[in-house]
N, C-alpha and C. Protein backbone atom coordinates (compact mmCIF):
# COMPACT_ATOMS: atom_id res chain seq x y z
N MET A 1 -4.35 -23.94 -20.79
CA MET A 1 -4.18 -23.20 -22.05
C MET A 1 -3.81 -21.75 -21.74
N ALA A 2 -2.79 -21.23 -22.39
CA ALA A 2 -2.32 -19.87 -22.11
C ALA A 2 -3.35 -18.84 -22.56
N PRO A 3 -3.49 -17.75 -21.86
CA PRO A 3 -4.44 -16.71 -22.26
C PRO A 3 -3.99 -16.04 -23.55
N GLN A 4 -4.95 -15.54 -24.31
CA GLN A 4 -4.65 -14.90 -25.58
C GLN A 4 -4.63 -13.38 -25.42
N ASP A 5 -4.26 -12.91 -24.25
CA ASP A 5 -4.17 -11.48 -24.02
C ASP A 5 -2.92 -11.21 -23.19
N ALA A 6 -2.86 -10.05 -22.55
CA ALA A 6 -1.64 -9.64 -21.84
C ALA A 6 -1.52 -10.22 -20.44
N ARG A 7 -2.51 -11.00 -20.00
CA ARG A 7 -2.45 -11.54 -18.64
C ARG A 7 -1.26 -12.47 -18.46
N GLN A 8 -0.55 -12.26 -17.35
CA GLN A 8 0.53 -13.15 -16.96
C GLN A 8 0.14 -13.84 -15.66
N TYR A 9 0.83 -14.96 -15.40
CA TYR A 9 0.50 -15.78 -14.24
C TYR A 9 1.71 -15.95 -13.33
N ALA A 10 1.50 -15.85 -12.02
CA ALA A 10 2.52 -16.14 -11.01
C ALA A 10 2.01 -17.31 -10.18
N PRO A 11 2.64 -18.48 -10.27
CA PRO A 11 2.12 -19.68 -9.60
C PRO A 11 1.89 -19.51 -8.10
N ALA A 12 2.72 -18.71 -7.44
CA ALA A 12 2.59 -18.56 -5.98
C ALA A 12 1.30 -17.85 -5.59
N THR A 13 0.73 -17.09 -6.51
CA THR A 13 -0.45 -16.28 -6.16
C THR A 13 -1.60 -17.13 -5.67
N GLU A 14 -1.91 -18.20 -6.38
CA GLU A 14 -3.04 -19.04 -5.99
C GLU A 14 -2.79 -19.71 -4.64
N ARG A 15 -1.53 -19.94 -4.31
CA ARG A 15 -1.21 -20.60 -3.04
C ARG A 15 -1.31 -19.64 -1.85
N ASN A 16 -1.00 -18.37 -2.07
CA ASN A 16 -0.91 -17.47 -0.91
C ASN A 16 -2.04 -16.46 -0.79
N ARG A 17 -2.88 -16.34 -1.81
CA ARG A 17 -3.85 -15.24 -1.80
C ARG A 17 -4.90 -15.38 -0.71
N GLU A 18 -5.39 -16.60 -0.47
CA GLU A 18 -6.41 -16.78 0.57
C GLU A 18 -5.84 -16.49 1.97
N PRO A 19 -4.66 -17.04 2.33
CA PRO A 19 -4.10 -16.72 3.65
C PRO A 19 -3.79 -15.23 3.81
N ILE A 20 -3.31 -14.57 2.74
CA ILE A 20 -3.04 -13.14 2.83
C ILE A 20 -4.35 -12.37 3.05
N LEU A 21 -5.39 -12.74 2.33
CA LEU A 21 -6.68 -12.08 2.49
C LEU A 21 -7.18 -12.20 3.93
N GLU A 22 -7.00 -13.36 4.54
CA GLU A 22 -7.43 -13.55 5.93
C GLU A 22 -6.76 -12.54 6.86
N VAL A 23 -5.47 -12.29 6.62
CA VAL A 23 -4.76 -11.31 7.46
C VAL A 23 -5.24 -9.90 7.15
N LEU A 24 -5.37 -9.57 5.86
CA LEU A 24 -5.81 -8.22 5.49
C LEU A 24 -7.17 -7.89 6.12
N LEU A 25 -8.06 -8.86 6.14
CA LEU A 25 -9.37 -8.62 6.73
C LEU A 25 -9.28 -8.28 8.21
N GLN A 26 -8.23 -8.73 8.87
CA GLN A 26 -8.04 -8.46 10.29
C GLN A 26 -7.38 -7.11 10.56
N VAL A 27 -6.53 -6.65 9.63
CA VAL A 27 -5.67 -5.51 9.97
C VAL A 27 -5.98 -4.22 9.21
N LEU A 28 -6.73 -4.28 8.13
CA LEU A 28 -6.97 -3.07 7.35
C LEU A 28 -7.87 -2.09 8.09
N PRO A 29 -7.63 -0.79 7.92
CA PRO A 29 -8.59 0.21 8.42
C PRO A 29 -9.93 0.02 7.73
N GLU A 30 -10.95 0.74 8.18
CA GLU A 30 -12.33 0.47 7.75
C GLU A 30 -12.56 0.66 6.26
N ASN A 31 -11.98 1.70 5.66
CA ASN A 31 -12.19 1.94 4.24
C ASN A 31 -11.13 2.90 3.74
N GLY A 32 -11.11 3.14 2.42
CA GLY A 32 -10.12 4.04 1.83
C GLY A 32 -9.42 3.37 0.66
N THR A 33 -8.30 3.93 0.28
CA THR A 33 -7.51 3.39 -0.83
C THR A 33 -6.36 2.56 -0.30
N ILE A 34 -6.17 1.40 -0.92
CA ILE A 34 -5.04 0.53 -0.61
C ILE A 34 -4.04 0.64 -1.75
N LEU A 35 -2.86 1.07 -1.43
CA LEU A 35 -1.78 1.22 -2.41
C LEU A 35 -0.96 -0.07 -2.41
N GLU A 36 -0.94 -0.76 -3.55
CA GLU A 36 -0.12 -1.97 -3.65
C GLU A 36 1.17 -1.63 -4.38
N ILE A 37 2.28 -1.93 -3.74
CA ILE A 37 3.60 -1.69 -4.31
C ILE A 37 4.10 -2.97 -4.95
N ALA A 38 4.63 -2.87 -6.17
CA ALA A 38 5.14 -4.04 -6.90
C ALA A 38 4.03 -5.07 -7.09
N SER A 39 3.01 -4.68 -7.83
CA SER A 39 1.82 -5.52 -7.98
C SER A 39 2.04 -6.74 -8.86
N GLY A 40 3.13 -6.79 -9.60
CA GLY A 40 3.41 -7.97 -10.41
C GLY A 40 2.38 -8.18 -11.49
N THR A 41 1.86 -9.42 -11.59
CA THR A 41 0.95 -9.76 -12.68
C THR A 41 -0.41 -9.10 -12.57
N GLY A 42 -0.80 -8.70 -11.36
CA GLY A 42 -2.13 -8.13 -11.13
C GLY A 42 -3.12 -9.13 -10.58
N GLU A 43 -2.71 -10.38 -10.43
CA GLU A 43 -3.62 -11.41 -9.92
C GLU A 43 -4.04 -11.12 -8.48
N HIS A 44 -3.09 -10.68 -7.66
CA HIS A 44 -3.45 -10.33 -6.30
C HIS A 44 -4.43 -9.16 -6.28
N ALA A 45 -4.17 -8.17 -7.10
CA ALA A 45 -5.01 -6.97 -7.11
C ALA A 45 -6.46 -7.31 -7.37
N VAL A 46 -6.73 -8.09 -8.41
CA VAL A 46 -8.12 -8.39 -8.74
C VAL A 46 -8.75 -9.33 -7.72
N PHE A 47 -7.96 -10.24 -7.17
CA PHE A 47 -8.50 -11.16 -6.17
C PHE A 47 -8.90 -10.40 -4.90
N PHE A 48 -7.99 -9.56 -4.40
CA PHE A 48 -8.28 -8.83 -3.17
C PHE A 48 -9.37 -7.79 -3.38
N ALA A 49 -9.27 -7.05 -4.48
CA ALA A 49 -10.25 -5.97 -4.71
C ALA A 49 -11.67 -6.52 -4.82
N SER A 50 -11.82 -7.68 -5.45
CA SER A 50 -13.16 -8.25 -5.62
C SER A 50 -13.75 -8.74 -4.29
N ARG A 51 -12.89 -8.90 -3.28
CA ARG A 51 -13.35 -9.38 -1.98
C ARG A 51 -13.29 -8.29 -0.90
N LEU A 52 -12.74 -7.15 -1.25
CA LEU A 52 -12.64 -6.02 -0.33
C LEU A 52 -13.36 -4.84 -0.97
N ARG A 53 -14.67 -4.96 -1.07
CA ARG A 53 -15.44 -4.01 -1.86
C ARG A 53 -15.56 -2.64 -1.20
N ASP A 54 -15.21 -2.53 0.08
CA ASP A 54 -15.27 -1.22 0.74
C ASP A 54 -14.03 -0.39 0.48
N TYR A 55 -13.10 -0.93 -0.30
CA TYR A 55 -11.83 -0.24 -0.56
C TYR A 55 -11.64 -0.01 -2.05
N LEU A 56 -10.77 0.95 -2.35
CA LEU A 56 -10.28 1.15 -3.71
C LEU A 56 -8.84 0.63 -3.74
N TRP A 57 -8.49 -0.09 -4.80
CA TRP A 57 -7.18 -0.72 -4.90
C TRP A 57 -6.36 -0.01 -5.97
N LEU A 58 -5.18 0.47 -5.59
CA LEU A 58 -4.31 1.20 -6.51
C LEU A 58 -3.04 0.39 -6.74
N PRO A 59 -2.97 -0.36 -7.84
CA PRO A 59 -1.77 -1.16 -8.11
C PRO A 59 -0.67 -0.31 -8.73
N THR A 60 0.58 -0.66 -8.43
CA THR A 60 1.73 0.02 -9.03
C THR A 60 2.76 -1.02 -9.44
N GLU A 61 3.53 -0.69 -10.46
CA GLU A 61 4.52 -1.63 -10.96
C GLU A 61 5.51 -0.88 -11.85
N VAL A 62 6.79 -1.21 -11.72
CA VAL A 62 7.82 -0.59 -12.55
C VAL A 62 7.80 -1.15 -13.96
N ASN A 63 7.59 -2.46 -14.10
CA ASN A 63 7.69 -3.16 -15.39
C ASN A 63 6.46 -2.87 -16.26
N PRO A 64 6.64 -2.30 -17.45
CA PRO A 64 5.48 -1.98 -18.29
C PRO A 64 4.70 -3.21 -18.76
N GLN A 65 5.38 -4.34 -18.97
CA GLN A 65 4.67 -5.55 -19.37
C GLN A 65 3.75 -6.04 -18.25
N LEU A 66 4.21 -5.89 -17.02
CA LEU A 66 3.37 -6.28 -15.90
C LEU A 66 2.22 -5.30 -15.69
N ARG A 67 2.44 -4.03 -15.99
CA ARG A 67 1.32 -3.08 -15.92
C ARG A 67 0.25 -3.46 -16.95
N ALA A 68 0.69 -3.92 -18.11
CA ALA A 68 -0.27 -4.39 -19.12
C ALA A 68 -1.02 -5.62 -18.62
N SER A 69 -0.32 -6.48 -17.90
CA SER A 69 -0.97 -7.67 -17.33
C SER A 69 -2.01 -7.27 -16.29
N ILE A 70 -1.69 -6.27 -15.47
CA ILE A 70 -2.64 -5.80 -14.46
C ILE A 70 -3.91 -5.28 -15.12
N ILE A 71 -3.73 -4.50 -16.19
CA ILE A 71 -4.89 -3.97 -16.93
C ILE A 71 -5.73 -5.12 -17.48
N ALA A 72 -5.06 -6.11 -18.06
CA ALA A 72 -5.78 -7.23 -18.66
C ALA A 72 -6.53 -8.04 -17.61
N TRP A 73 -5.92 -8.25 -16.46
CA TRP A 73 -6.61 -8.98 -15.38
C TRP A 73 -7.80 -8.18 -14.87
N THR A 74 -7.64 -6.86 -14.75
CA THR A 74 -8.73 -6.01 -14.26
C THR A 74 -9.91 -6.05 -15.23
N GLU A 75 -9.61 -6.00 -16.52
CA GLU A 75 -10.67 -6.06 -17.53
C GLU A 75 -11.33 -7.43 -17.55
N HIS A 76 -10.52 -8.47 -17.40
CA HIS A 76 -11.05 -9.84 -17.42
C HIS A 76 -11.98 -10.09 -16.24
N ASN A 77 -11.65 -9.55 -15.07
CA ASN A 77 -12.45 -9.77 -13.87
C ASN A 77 -13.47 -8.68 -13.61
N VAL A 78 -13.49 -7.66 -14.47
CA VAL A 78 -14.43 -6.54 -14.36
C VAL A 78 -14.43 -5.98 -12.92
N CYS A 79 -13.26 -5.53 -12.50
CA CYS A 79 -13.13 -4.95 -11.15
C CYS A 79 -13.27 -3.44 -11.24
N ASP A 80 -14.38 -2.93 -10.71
CA ASP A 80 -14.62 -1.48 -10.81
C ASP A 80 -14.03 -0.72 -9.64
N ASN A 81 -13.38 -1.40 -8.70
CA ASN A 81 -12.73 -0.70 -7.59
C ASN A 81 -11.21 -0.82 -7.66
N VAL A 82 -10.70 -1.08 -8.86
CA VAL A 82 -9.25 -1.12 -9.10
C VAL A 82 -8.87 0.03 -10.04
N TYR A 83 -7.99 0.90 -9.59
CA TYR A 83 -7.50 1.98 -10.44
C TYR A 83 -6.57 1.42 -11.52
N ALA A 84 -6.34 2.20 -12.56
CA ALA A 84 -5.35 1.83 -13.56
C ALA A 84 -3.98 1.76 -12.90
N PRO A 85 -3.17 0.77 -13.26
CA PRO A 85 -1.85 0.64 -12.62
C PRO A 85 -0.95 1.82 -12.94
N GLN A 86 -0.16 2.20 -11.96
CA GLN A 86 0.74 3.33 -12.09
C GLN A 86 2.20 2.89 -11.99
N TYR A 87 3.07 3.62 -12.65
CA TYR A 87 4.51 3.41 -12.46
C TYR A 87 4.89 3.94 -11.08
N LEU A 88 5.65 3.16 -10.34
CA LEU A 88 6.14 3.63 -9.05
C LEU A 88 7.41 2.86 -8.70
N ASP A 89 8.49 3.60 -8.50
CA ASP A 89 9.76 3.05 -8.04
C ASP A 89 9.96 3.52 -6.61
N VAL A 90 9.97 2.58 -5.67
CA VAL A 90 10.03 2.97 -4.25
C VAL A 90 11.32 3.70 -3.90
N ARG A 91 12.35 3.55 -4.72
CA ARG A 91 13.64 4.18 -4.41
C ARG A 91 13.66 5.66 -4.73
N GLU A 92 12.66 6.14 -5.46
CA GLU A 92 12.61 7.57 -5.79
C GLU A 92 12.23 8.38 -4.55
N PRO A 93 12.82 9.57 -4.38
CA PRO A 93 12.57 10.36 -3.16
C PRO A 93 11.15 10.86 -3.03
N VAL A 94 10.47 11.02 -4.15
CA VAL A 94 9.04 11.37 -4.15
C VAL A 94 8.34 10.39 -5.08
N TRP A 95 7.38 9.66 -4.56
CA TRP A 95 6.67 8.69 -5.38
C TRP A 95 5.67 9.39 -6.30
N THR A 96 5.38 8.74 -7.42
CA THR A 96 4.44 9.31 -8.39
C THR A 96 3.09 9.63 -7.74
N VAL A 97 2.64 8.80 -6.82
CA VAL A 97 1.32 9.03 -6.20
C VAL A 97 1.31 10.22 -5.25
N GLU A 98 2.47 10.81 -5.04
CA GLU A 98 2.54 12.00 -4.18
C GLU A 98 2.46 13.29 -4.97
N ASN A 99 2.49 13.22 -6.30
CA ASN A 99 2.52 14.47 -7.07
C ASN A 99 1.10 15.00 -7.32
N ASP A 100 1.05 16.20 -7.88
CA ASP A 100 -0.23 16.91 -8.01
C ASP A 100 -1.24 16.19 -8.89
N ALA A 101 -0.76 15.32 -9.78
CA ALA A 101 -1.68 14.60 -10.67
C ALA A 101 -2.58 13.63 -9.91
N PHE A 102 -2.24 13.36 -8.67
CA PHE A 102 -3.01 12.41 -7.87
C PHE A 102 -3.82 13.11 -6.78
N ASP A 103 -4.20 14.35 -7.04
CA ASP A 103 -5.02 15.08 -6.08
C ASP A 103 -6.33 14.37 -5.76
N TRP A 104 -6.81 13.55 -6.72
CA TRP A 104 -8.07 12.84 -6.50
C TRP A 104 -7.99 11.86 -5.33
N LEU A 105 -6.77 11.50 -4.92
CA LEU A 105 -6.63 10.59 -3.78
C LEU A 105 -7.07 11.25 -2.46
N SER A 106 -7.17 12.58 -2.46
CA SER A 106 -7.60 13.26 -1.24
C SER A 106 -9.04 12.88 -0.87
N ASN A 107 -9.84 12.48 -1.88
CA ASN A 107 -11.22 12.06 -1.61
C ASN A 107 -11.28 10.66 -0.99
N GLU A 108 -10.36 9.79 -1.40
CA GLU A 108 -10.27 8.43 -0.85
C GLU A 108 -8.80 8.20 -0.49
N PRO A 109 -8.32 8.75 0.61
CA PRO A 109 -6.90 8.72 0.92
C PRO A 109 -6.35 7.30 1.10
N ILE A 110 -5.05 7.19 0.92
CA ILE A 110 -4.36 5.91 1.10
C ILE A 110 -4.32 5.60 2.59
N VAL A 111 -4.95 4.50 2.97
CA VAL A 111 -5.00 4.11 4.39
C VAL A 111 -4.12 2.90 4.68
N ALA A 112 -3.67 2.23 3.61
CA ALA A 112 -2.82 1.06 3.78
C ALA A 112 -1.94 0.88 2.56
N ILE A 113 -0.77 0.31 2.78
CA ILE A 113 0.17 -0.05 1.71
C ILE A 113 0.43 -1.54 1.82
N VAL A 114 0.30 -2.24 0.71
CA VAL A 114 0.50 -3.69 0.67
C VAL A 114 1.68 -3.99 -0.24
N ASN A 115 2.60 -4.79 0.25
CA ASN A 115 3.80 -5.14 -0.52
C ASN A 115 4.09 -6.62 -0.34
N ILE A 116 3.93 -7.38 -1.42
CA ILE A 116 4.04 -8.84 -1.37
C ILE A 116 5.25 -9.29 -2.17
N ASN A 117 6.12 -10.04 -1.52
CA ASN A 117 7.27 -10.67 -2.19
C ASN A 117 8.11 -9.69 -3.01
N MET A 118 8.55 -8.61 -2.36
CA MET A 118 9.42 -7.67 -3.07
C MET A 118 10.79 -7.51 -2.43
N ILE A 119 10.84 -7.31 -1.13
CA ILE A 119 12.11 -6.81 -0.57
C ILE A 119 13.23 -7.83 -0.61
N HIS A 120 12.91 -9.11 -0.82
CA HIS A 120 13.99 -10.10 -0.94
C HIS A 120 14.48 -10.25 -2.38
N ILE A 121 13.71 -9.75 -3.34
CA ILE A 121 14.15 -9.82 -4.73
C ILE A 121 14.37 -8.42 -5.29
N SER A 122 14.93 -7.58 -4.46
CA SER A 122 15.31 -6.22 -4.84
C SER A 122 16.44 -5.78 -3.92
N PRO A 123 17.17 -4.75 -4.28
CA PRO A 123 18.24 -4.27 -3.40
C PRO A 123 17.70 -3.77 -2.07
N TRP A 124 18.56 -3.71 -1.07
CA TRP A 124 18.17 -3.21 0.24
C TRP A 124 17.65 -1.78 0.15
N SER A 125 18.14 -1.03 -0.84
CA SER A 125 17.66 0.34 -1.04
C SER A 125 16.16 0.38 -1.31
N ALA A 126 15.61 -0.71 -1.88
CA ALA A 126 14.16 -0.75 -2.11
C ALA A 126 13.41 -0.84 -0.80
N CYS A 127 13.92 -1.60 0.16
CA CYS A 127 13.29 -1.66 1.48
C CYS A 127 13.36 -0.29 2.15
N LEU A 128 14.51 0.36 2.07
CA LEU A 128 14.65 1.70 2.64
C LEU A 128 13.66 2.67 2.01
N GLY A 129 13.54 2.61 0.68
CA GLY A 129 12.62 3.50 -0.02
C GLY A 129 11.17 3.21 0.32
N LEU A 130 10.84 1.93 0.47
CA LEU A 130 9.48 1.54 0.83
C LEU A 130 9.10 2.14 2.19
N MET A 131 9.99 1.99 3.15
CA MET A 131 9.70 2.51 4.49
C MET A 131 9.61 4.03 4.49
N ALA A 132 10.50 4.68 3.76
CA ALA A 132 10.47 6.14 3.70
C ALA A 132 9.17 6.63 3.09
N GLY A 133 8.74 5.99 1.99
CA GLY A 133 7.50 6.38 1.34
C GLY A 133 6.29 6.13 2.22
N ALA A 134 6.28 4.99 2.90
CA ALA A 134 5.16 4.69 3.80
C ALA A 134 5.10 5.71 4.93
N GLY A 135 6.27 6.10 5.42
CA GLY A 135 6.32 7.10 6.48
C GLY A 135 5.77 8.45 6.02
N ARG A 136 5.98 8.78 4.74
CA ARG A 136 5.48 10.06 4.22
C ARG A 136 3.98 10.01 3.95
N ILE A 137 3.52 8.90 3.39
CA ILE A 137 2.16 8.84 2.85
C ILE A 137 1.11 8.48 3.89
N LEU A 138 1.42 7.51 4.73
CA LEU A 138 0.42 7.04 5.68
C LEU A 138 0.17 8.05 6.80
N LYS A 139 -1.07 8.21 7.14
CA LYS A 139 -1.44 9.02 8.30
C LYS A 139 -1.42 8.14 9.55
N ALA A 140 -1.57 8.76 10.71
CA ALA A 140 -1.59 8.00 11.96
C ALA A 140 -2.63 6.90 11.88
N GLY A 141 -2.23 5.69 12.23
CA GLY A 141 -3.13 4.54 12.18
C GLY A 141 -3.07 3.78 10.88
N GLY A 142 -2.42 4.34 9.85
CA GLY A 142 -2.30 3.67 8.57
C GLY A 142 -1.46 2.40 8.68
N ILE A 143 -1.70 1.45 7.79
CA ILE A 143 -1.10 0.12 7.86
C ILE A 143 -0.14 -0.11 6.69
N LEU A 144 1.02 -0.69 7.01
CA LEU A 144 1.93 -1.20 6.00
C LEU A 144 2.00 -2.71 6.19
N TYR A 145 1.64 -3.44 5.14
CA TYR A 145 1.61 -4.91 5.19
C TYR A 145 2.70 -5.48 4.29
N LEU A 146 3.56 -6.33 4.84
CA LEU A 146 4.59 -7.02 4.07
C LEU A 146 4.36 -8.52 4.12
N TYR A 147 4.66 -9.18 3.01
CA TYR A 147 4.58 -10.64 2.95
C TYR A 147 5.84 -11.17 2.29
N GLY A 148 6.40 -12.23 2.87
CA GLY A 148 7.55 -12.86 2.25
C GLY A 148 8.35 -13.64 3.28
N PRO A 149 9.51 -14.20 2.85
CA PRO A 149 10.38 -14.91 3.78
C PRO A 149 11.27 -13.93 4.54
N PHE A 150 11.58 -14.24 5.78
CA PHE A 150 12.45 -13.39 6.60
C PHE A 150 13.33 -14.26 7.47
N LYS A 151 14.53 -13.77 7.75
CA LYS A 151 15.32 -14.32 8.86
C LYS A 151 14.74 -13.75 10.15
N GLN A 152 14.88 -14.50 11.23
CA GLN A 152 14.49 -14.00 12.54
C GLN A 152 15.66 -14.13 13.50
N SER A 153 15.97 -13.03 14.18
CA SER A 153 17.16 -12.94 15.04
C SER A 153 18.42 -13.28 14.25
N GLY A 154 18.42 -12.89 12.97
CA GLY A 154 19.59 -13.08 12.13
C GLY A 154 19.76 -14.47 11.57
N GLU A 155 18.82 -15.37 11.84
CA GLU A 155 18.95 -16.76 11.42
C GLU A 155 17.78 -17.17 10.53
N HIS A 156 18.09 -18.04 9.54
CA HIS A 156 17.01 -18.61 8.74
C HIS A 156 16.16 -19.53 9.62
N THR A 157 14.88 -19.56 9.37
CA THR A 157 13.98 -20.34 10.20
C THR A 157 13.85 -21.79 9.74
N VAL A 158 14.11 -22.05 8.47
CA VAL A 158 14.02 -23.42 7.92
C VAL A 158 15.10 -23.60 6.86
N PRO A 159 15.55 -24.84 6.62
CA PRO A 159 16.59 -25.09 5.61
C PRO A 159 16.20 -24.63 4.20
N SER A 160 14.93 -24.72 3.86
CA SER A 160 14.52 -24.31 2.51
C SER A 160 14.76 -22.83 2.27
N ASN A 161 14.67 -22.02 3.31
CA ASN A 161 14.95 -20.59 3.16
C ASN A 161 16.44 -20.32 3.00
N VAL A 162 17.28 -21.20 3.56
CA VAL A 162 18.73 -21.08 3.33
C VAL A 162 19.02 -21.27 1.86
N ALA A 163 18.44 -22.31 1.28
CA ALA A 163 18.66 -22.59 -0.14
C ALA A 163 18.08 -21.48 -1.01
N PHE A 164 16.92 -20.97 -0.63
CA PHE A 164 16.31 -19.88 -1.39
C PHE A 164 17.17 -18.63 -1.35
N ASP A 165 17.70 -18.32 -0.17
CA ASP A 165 18.57 -17.16 -0.02
C ASP A 165 19.82 -17.30 -0.88
N GLU A 166 20.41 -18.48 -0.91
CA GLU A 166 21.60 -18.72 -1.74
C GLU A 166 21.26 -18.55 -3.21
N TYR A 167 20.09 -19.04 -3.60
CA TYR A 167 19.65 -18.89 -4.99
C TYR A 167 19.49 -17.41 -5.36
N LEU A 168 18.84 -16.65 -4.49
CA LEU A 168 18.63 -15.23 -4.75
C LEU A 168 19.95 -14.49 -4.89
N ARG A 169 20.89 -14.74 -3.99
CA ARG A 169 22.17 -14.04 -4.01
C ARG A 169 23.02 -14.44 -5.21
N ALA A 170 22.81 -15.66 -5.71
CA ALA A 170 23.50 -16.07 -6.94
C ALA A 170 22.93 -15.33 -8.15
N GLU A 171 21.62 -15.05 -8.10
CA GLU A 171 20.98 -14.30 -9.18
C GLU A 171 21.44 -12.84 -9.16
N ASN A 172 21.52 -12.27 -7.96
CA ASN A 172 21.93 -10.88 -7.80
C ASN A 172 22.46 -10.71 -6.37
N PRO A 173 23.72 -10.33 -6.22
CA PRO A 173 24.30 -10.19 -4.88
C PRO A 173 23.57 -9.19 -3.98
N GLU A 174 22.78 -8.29 -4.57
CA GLU A 174 22.03 -7.30 -3.77
C GLU A 174 20.70 -7.84 -3.27
N TRP A 175 20.30 -9.03 -3.74
CA TRP A 175 19.05 -9.64 -3.30
C TRP A 175 19.32 -10.54 -2.09
N GLY A 176 18.26 -11.04 -1.49
CA GLY A 176 18.41 -11.99 -0.40
C GLY A 176 17.31 -11.87 0.63
N VAL A 177 17.10 -12.95 1.37
CA VAL A 177 16.12 -12.96 2.45
C VAL A 177 16.59 -12.00 3.54
N ARG A 178 15.73 -11.08 3.93
CA ARG A 178 16.12 -10.02 4.86
C ARG A 178 15.94 -10.45 6.31
N ASN A 179 16.76 -9.88 7.16
CA ASN A 179 16.63 -10.09 8.59
C ASN A 179 15.49 -9.21 9.12
N LEU A 180 14.51 -9.82 9.73
CA LEU A 180 13.34 -9.07 10.17
C LEU A 180 13.70 -7.96 11.14
N ASP A 181 14.68 -8.19 12.00
CA ASP A 181 15.09 -7.15 12.95
C ASP A 181 15.56 -5.89 12.23
N ASP A 182 16.26 -6.08 11.11
CA ASP A 182 16.74 -4.93 10.33
C ASP A 182 15.57 -4.17 9.71
N VAL A 183 14.60 -4.93 9.20
CA VAL A 183 13.42 -4.31 8.58
C VAL A 183 12.63 -3.53 9.63
N VAL A 184 12.46 -4.11 10.80
CA VAL A 184 11.72 -3.44 11.86
C VAL A 184 12.43 -2.15 12.29
N ALA A 185 13.76 -2.19 12.35
CA ALA A 185 14.53 -1.00 12.74
C ALA A 185 14.36 0.12 11.73
N VAL A 186 14.39 -0.22 10.44
CA VAL A 186 14.21 0.79 9.39
C VAL A 186 12.80 1.37 9.46
N ALA A 187 11.82 0.51 9.70
CA ALA A 187 10.43 0.97 9.81
C ALA A 187 10.28 1.92 10.99
N LYS A 188 10.87 1.57 12.10
CA LYS A 188 10.75 2.39 13.31
C LYS A 188 11.29 3.79 13.07
N ALA A 189 12.36 3.90 12.28
CA ALA A 189 12.95 5.20 11.97
C ALA A 189 11.99 6.08 11.17
N GLN A 190 10.98 5.44 10.54
CA GLN A 190 9.98 6.19 9.76
C GLN A 190 8.64 6.24 10.48
N ASN A 191 8.66 6.09 11.81
CA ASN A 191 7.45 6.16 12.62
C ASN A 191 6.44 5.07 12.29
N LEU A 192 6.97 3.89 11.91
CA LEU A 192 6.14 2.72 11.64
C LEU A 192 6.44 1.68 12.71
N THR A 193 5.42 1.35 13.49
CA THR A 193 5.59 0.46 14.63
C THR A 193 5.13 -0.95 14.27
N LEU A 194 5.94 -1.95 14.61
CA LEU A 194 5.55 -3.34 14.38
C LEU A 194 4.30 -3.65 15.18
N LYS A 195 3.27 -4.09 14.49
CA LYS A 195 1.99 -4.37 15.15
C LYS A 195 1.78 -5.86 15.36
N GLN A 196 2.07 -6.67 14.33
CA GLN A 196 1.79 -8.10 14.43
C GLN A 196 2.60 -8.87 13.39
N ILE A 197 2.97 -10.10 13.75
CA ILE A 197 3.62 -11.03 12.82
C ILE A 197 2.74 -12.28 12.74
N TYR A 198 2.44 -12.71 11.53
CA TYR A 198 1.62 -13.89 11.31
C TYR A 198 2.44 -14.94 10.58
N GLN A 199 2.43 -16.18 11.05
CA GLN A 199 3.05 -17.28 10.34
C GLN A 199 2.17 -17.62 9.13
N MET A 200 2.80 -17.80 7.98
CA MET A 200 2.07 -18.03 6.74
C MET A 200 2.56 -19.32 6.07
N PRO A 201 1.85 -19.80 5.05
CA PRO A 201 2.28 -21.01 4.35
C PRO A 201 3.65 -20.84 3.70
N ALA A 202 4.29 -21.96 3.42
CA ALA A 202 5.57 -22.00 2.70
C ALA A 202 6.66 -21.21 3.40
N ASN A 203 6.59 -21.18 4.75
CA ASN A 203 7.64 -20.55 5.56
C ASN A 203 7.78 -19.06 5.31
N ASN A 204 6.68 -18.41 5.00
CA ASN A 204 6.65 -16.97 4.85
C ASN A 204 6.01 -16.34 6.09
N LEU A 205 6.13 -15.02 6.17
CA LEU A 205 5.51 -14.26 7.25
C LEU A 205 4.67 -13.13 6.67
N SER A 206 3.62 -12.79 7.37
CA SER A 206 2.94 -11.51 7.18
C SER A 206 3.41 -10.60 8.31
N VAL A 207 3.94 -9.45 7.94
CA VAL A 207 4.47 -8.50 8.92
C VAL A 207 3.68 -7.20 8.78
N VAL A 208 3.04 -6.80 9.86
CA VAL A 208 2.13 -5.64 9.82
C VAL A 208 2.70 -4.51 10.68
N PHE A 209 2.85 -3.36 10.04
CA PHE A 209 3.29 -2.15 10.73
C PHE A 209 2.15 -1.14 10.76
N GLN A 210 2.16 -0.28 11.76
CA GLN A 210 1.16 0.78 11.85
C GLN A 210 1.86 2.12 12.02
N ARG A 211 1.38 3.11 11.29
CA ARG A 211 1.95 4.45 11.38
C ARG A 211 1.63 5.05 12.74
N SER A 212 2.67 5.49 13.43
CA SER A 212 2.49 6.09 14.73
C SER A 212 1.99 7.53 14.58
N THR A 213 1.59 8.14 15.67
CA THR A 213 1.13 9.53 15.62
C THR A 213 2.32 10.45 15.42
């Protein structure tokens, strides 16, 4: 039965949230604020925040309807360690969370950035903006976590990702499954070093970068 409020549902969330949490528990710094980029419906935010009680979760989303969904999920799950969702477009040269209105983040600084299923359904400029912002915001030792499908050595790893890539490019020529080598190169230019790659369900990867000194 559909909810009678602003909550929206993403079917993939229930399938991937437990495996993603397992990786986050291994790679996150001890405490602080986790900035989630492109939070979508908010289901990930409330699931992770309720299980990562030593952290504050800051969801962001461009789409106002999805920001309403994040609020509704937070209220439904009574998550007191989730901030109100903020507008954030990674392609902007200065992110909203970098301006003076977010001075309160100095008390609980951003120690990690989490980005799930975004860079393949957005222009390449979004990946560039994500890396640039992570390079500006994260301090030495900070973590950038990516989840999604990737090519490796320029090749798709399974036939289903070939079909998915073709579907994405038919929807928008600027979208598509990214080559991991290209993503790593862009990250390196922003002082983000590849730390670990984890094989995940449904032919996805968890890719973890760490901010260098």
